[in-house]
Amino acid sequence: MPSTPAAESILRSNLNLLFEESEEIQSTLVPQLLVALGADFSLTQASQLGEIIEQSIHMIHSWPGDLQARFISGHPRIGETKNLSVLSAKEQIGGTTAATPTPPEVLERLRHLNACYEHLYPGLRYITFVNGRTRAAIAEEMEDKLGIAHSLSRDQPPVESLVPIEPQSPSWLAELHRAVEDVGRIAINRLEKVEREGLLLLQK
């Protein structure tokens, strides 16, 4: 365990910022990290967090599939516009501005694509490293993942037309692995941004 409660509190706060807050961070990831980091651990440099992100992703990959799935669900669905963290809101905007917002038909398409994806991969949520791309570009990426034509339809193809992939099957686990990797990529990107903006919590 860390030498002071401050180290644990600061670690939790930074992980919630970088990964999105979830019960799995609090109940599983932080305790595992505290054991691995050792009794003398203190968080004094941003560079430590880059290493901790990599270590975290490695640990998360070792969790049971259902626990990993709950962890990634801490991230909002692509296209959501309400109840977003400050960082998620900035990421979801990607390439749009107040003057040129995401067209309503793209948001409707994304709602349908999320439903299709979650039917195809029961228990999973679509996660991708947006990296400045527009929601329209992400919609096309989702369509490619689902193997469906590019469209702005609000309800095609029918959700029920997709045959669900068995949870814990090799294909399901491969998609989960990809999603966890992208959560790590998002976290590294966030780290660079929050360090520049002075939002990291570090021990004095």
Protein backbone atom coordinates (compact mmCIF):
# COMPACT_ATOMS: atom_id res chain seq x y z
CA MET A 1 0.00 0.00 0.00
CA PRO A 2 1.21 3.59 -0.55
CA SER A 3 2.90 5.45 2.29
CA THR A 4 0.20 8.15 2.48
CA PRO A 5 -3.53 8.34 1.74
CA ALA A 6 -2.70 11.35 -0.47
CA ALA A 7 -0.92 9.12 -3.00
CA GLU A 8 -3.98 6.87 -3.37
CA SER A 9 -6.38 9.82 -3.63
CA ILE A 10 -4.27 11.55 -6.28
CA LEU A 11 -3.93 8.30 -8.25
CA ARG A 12 -7.71 7.78 -8.21
CA SER A 13 -8.40 11.35 -9.33
CA ASN A 14 -5.99 11.17 -12.25
CA LEU A 15 -7.25 7.77 -13.42
CA ASN A 16 -10.84 9.03 -13.34
CA LEU A 17 -9.75 11.97 -15.47
CA LEU A 18 -7.77 9.90 -17.98
CA PHE A 19 -9.98 6.79 -18.22
CA GLU A 20 -13.44 8.20 -17.32
CA GLU A 21 -14.82 7.46 -13.88
CA SER A 22 -16.05 3.92 -13.27
CA GLU A 23 -16.63 1.54 -10.39
CA GLU A 24 -14.03 -0.80 -11.90
CA ILE A 25 -11.32 1.84 -11.45
CA GLN A 26 -12.21 2.27 -7.80
CA SER A 27 -12.79 -1.37 -6.83
CA THR A 28 -10.29 -3.24 -8.99
CA LEU A 29 -7.74 -1.15 -10.89
CA VAL A 30 -6.56 1.17 -8.12
CA PRO A 31 -6.06 -1.65 -5.56
CA GLN A 32 -4.09 -3.67 -8.12
CA LEU A 33 -1.94 -0.68 -9.02
CA LEU A 34 -1.22 0.17 -5.39
CA VAL A 35 0.11 -3.34 -4.82
CA ALA A 36 2.23 -3.21 -7.98
CA LEU A 37 3.55 0.31 -7.35
CA GLY A 38 4.69 -0.52 -3.82
CA ALA A 39 4.76 1.10 -0.39
CA ASP A 40 7.03 3.99 -1.37
CA PHE A 41 4.91 5.10 -4.33
CA SER A 42 4.30 8.81 -4.77
CA LEU A 43 3.01 10.61 -7.84
CA THR A 44 5.21 13.62 -8.47
CA GLN A 45 5.74 13.71 -12.27
CA ALA A 46 3.43 13.54 -15.26
CA SER A 47 5.76 11.02 -16.92
CA GLN A 48 4.83 8.52 -14.22
CA LEU A 49 1.24 8.60 -15.41
CA GLY A 50 2.25 7.54 -18.91
CA GLU A 51 3.83 4.43 -17.43
CA ILE A 52 0.82 3.88 -15.15
CA ILE A 53 -1.55 4.04 -18.13
CA GLU A 54 0.44 1.34 -19.92
CA GLN A 55 0.57 -0.76 -16.76
CA SER A 56 -3.17 -0.29 -16.24
CA ILE A 57 -4.07 -1.45 -19.75
CA HIS A 58 -1.90 -4.53 -19.28
CA MET A 59 -3.73 -5.30 -16.01
CA ILE A 60 -7.16 -4.67 -17.51
CA HIS A 61 -6.46 -7.14 -20.32
CA SER A 62 -5.97 -9.81 -17.63
CA TRP A 63 -9.41 -9.23 -16.07
CA PRO A 64 -12.41 -11.44 -16.86
CA GLY A 65 -14.21 -10.32 -20.03
CA ASP A 66 -17.32 -9.08 -18.25
CA LEU A 67 -15.23 -6.87 -15.94
CA GLN A 68 -13.33 -5.41 -18.90
CA ALA A 69 -16.65 -4.73 -20.63
CA ARG A 70 -17.96 -2.80 -17.63
CA PHE A 71 -14.73 -0.80 -17.51
CA ILE A 72 -14.95 0.39 -21.12
CA SER A 73 -18.60 1.31 -20.59
CA GLY A 74 -17.36 4.16 -18.42
CA HIS A 75 -16.83 5.95 -21.73
CA PRO A 76 -19.89 7.56 -23.32
CA ARG A 77 -21.39 6.26 -26.55
CA ILE A 78 -20.20 7.95 -29.72
CA GLY A 79 -22.63 10.75 -30.56
CA GLU A 80 -23.89 11.36 -27.02
CA THR A 81 -24.31 15.04 -26.23
CA LYS A 82 -25.50 15.05 -22.61
CA ASN A 83 -23.91 14.20 -19.25
CA LEU A 84 -20.41 14.13 -20.73
CA SER A 85 -17.21 14.83 -18.84
CA VAL A 86 -15.34 17.94 -19.95
CA LEU A 87 -12.75 15.85 -21.81
CA SER A 88 -15.32 13.58 -23.47
CA ALA A 89 -17.31 16.60 -24.63
CA LYS A 90 -14.21 18.08 -26.28
CA GLU A 91 -13.33 14.76 -27.91
CA GLN A 92 -16.83 14.12 -29.21
CA ILE A 93 -16.96 17.56 -30.87
CA GLY A 94 -13.99 16.60 -33.01
CA GLY A 95 -13.70 18.87 -36.11
CA THR A 96 -17.01 20.67 -35.49
CA THR A 97 -17.68 24.10 -34.01
CA ALA A 98 -20.63 26.02 -32.63
CA ALA A 99 -20.98 27.51 -36.10
CA THR A 100 -20.85 24.10 -37.81
CA PRO A 101 -22.31 21.54 -35.37
CA THR A 102 -22.81 17.87 -36.12
CA PRO A 103 -25.89 17.55 -38.40
CA PRO A 104 -28.92 16.03 -36.64
CA GLU A 105 -29.10 13.24 -39.20
CA VAL A 106 -25.55 12.15 -38.27
CA LEU A 107 -26.48 12.05 -34.58
CA GLU A 108 -29.55 9.98 -35.45
CA ARG A 109 -27.42 7.64 -37.53
CA LEU A 110 -24.98 7.22 -34.65
CA ARG A 111 -27.80 6.35 -32.26
CA HIS A 112 -28.87 3.59 -34.64
CA LEU A 113 -25.30 2.38 -35.18
CA ASN A 114 -24.72 2.18 -31.43
CA ALA A 115 -27.85 0.06 -31.11
CA CYS A 116 -26.68 -2.18 -33.96
CA TYR A 117 -23.21 -2.57 -32.45
CA GLU A 118 -24.53 -3.39 -28.99
CA HIS A 119 -26.86 -5.99 -30.50
CA LEU A 120 -24.01 -7.52 -32.50
CA TYR A 121 -21.61 -7.49 -29.54
CA PRO A 122 -23.79 -8.09 -26.45
CA GLY A 123 -22.35 -6.39 -23.38
CA LEU A 124 -19.89 -4.19 -25.30
CA ARG A 125 -19.94 -0.50 -26.13
CA TYR A 126 -18.29 0.91 -29.26
CA ILE A 127 -15.05 2.62 -28.28
CA THR A 128 -12.71 4.38 -30.68
CA PHE A 129 -9.86 6.86 -30.44
CA VAL A 130 -11.56 9.84 -32.09
CA ASN A 131 -8.35 11.86 -32.46
CA GLY A 132 -10.00 14.97 -33.90
CA ARG A 133 -12.22 13.18 -36.42
CA THR A 134 -15.81 14.28 -37.01
CA ARG A 135 -18.81 12.25 -35.87
CA ALA A 136 -19.63 11.67 -39.54
CA ALA A 137 -16.23 10.03 -40.02
CA ILE A 138 -16.78 7.87 -36.94
CA ALA A 139 -20.19 6.82 -38.27
CA GLU A 140 -18.51 5.49 -41.41
CA GLU A 141 -15.93 3.67 -39.28
CA MET A 142 -18.75 2.05 -37.30
CA GLU A 143 -20.51 1.02 -40.49
CA ASP A 144 -17.33 -0.61 -41.72
CA LYS A 145 -16.96 -2.45 -38.39
CA LEU A 146 -20.56 -3.67 -38.67
CA GLY A 147 -20.14 -4.61 -42.35
CA ILE A 148 -23.01 -2.41 -43.52
CA ALA A 149 -23.31 0.23 -46.22
CA HIS A 150 -22.59 3.90 -45.54
CA SER A 151 -25.90 5.67 -45.09
CA LEU A 152 -27.74 8.34 -43.10
CA SER A 153 -30.73 6.09 -42.49
CA ARG A 154 -32.17 6.30 -38.99
CA ASP A 155 -33.25 2.66 -38.89
CA GLN A 156 -31.46 0.62 -41.56
CA PRO A 157 -30.41 -2.07 -41.40
CA PRO A 158 -32.88 -3.30 -38.78
CA VAL A 159 -31.06 -4.00 -35.52
CA GLU A 160 -32.54 -7.50 -35.40
CA SER A 161 -31.06 -8.34 -38.80
CA LEU A 162 -27.60 -8.56 -37.24
CA VAL A 163 -26.72 -11.93 -35.76
CA PRO A 164 -25.25 -11.46 -32.27
CA ILE A 165 -21.72 -12.68 -31.64
CA GLU A 166 -21.50 -15.01 -28.66
CA PRO A 167 -20.08 -13.24 -25.57
CA GLN A 168 -16.63 -14.54 -24.58
CA SER A 169 -16.16 -16.07 -28.06
CA PRO A 170 -12.84 -15.36 -29.85
CA SER A 171 -14.45 -12.67 -32.06
CA TRP A 172 -16.13 -11.00 -29.08
CA LEU A 173 -12.93 -11.06 -27.04
CA ALA A 174 -10.91 -9.67 -29.96
CA GLU A 175 -13.30 -6.73 -30.21
CA LEU A 176 -13.10 -6.20 -26.45
CA HIS A 177 -9.29 -6.25 -26.68
CA ARG A 178 -9.38 -3.60 -29.40
CA ALA A 179 -11.70 -1.43 -27.31
CA VAL A 180 -9.46 -1.62 -24.23
CA GLU A 181 -6.45 -0.71 -26.37
CA ASP A 182 -8.30 2.34 -27.65
CA VAL A 183 -9.18 3.39 -24.10
CA GLY A 184 -5.43 3.38 -23.49
CA ARG A 185 -4.78 5.48 -26.58
CA ILE A 186 -7.45 7.96 -25.47
CA ALA A 187 -5.85 8.14 -22.01
CA ILE A 188 -2.36 8.84 -23.41
CA ASN A 189 -3.79 11.58 -25.63
CA ARG A 190 -5.67 13.07 -22.67
CA LEU A 191 -2.51 12.99 -20.57
CA GLU A 192 -0.70 15.18 -23.09
CA LYS A 193 -3.57 17.67 -23.12
CA VAL A 194 -4.20 17.92 -19.38
CA GLU A 195 -0.49 18.23 -18.68
CA ARG A 196 -0.34 21.25 -21.01
CA GLU A 197 -3.42 22.71 -19.34
CA GLY A 198 -2.13 22.15 -15.82
CA LEU A 199 -5.04 19.89 -14.81
CA LEU A 200 -3.01 16.99 -13.43
CA LEU A 201 -2.88 16.43 -9.68
CA LEU A 202 0.66 15.72 -8.49
CA GLN A 203 2.15 15.39 -5.04
CA LYS A 204 4.27 18.30 -3.90
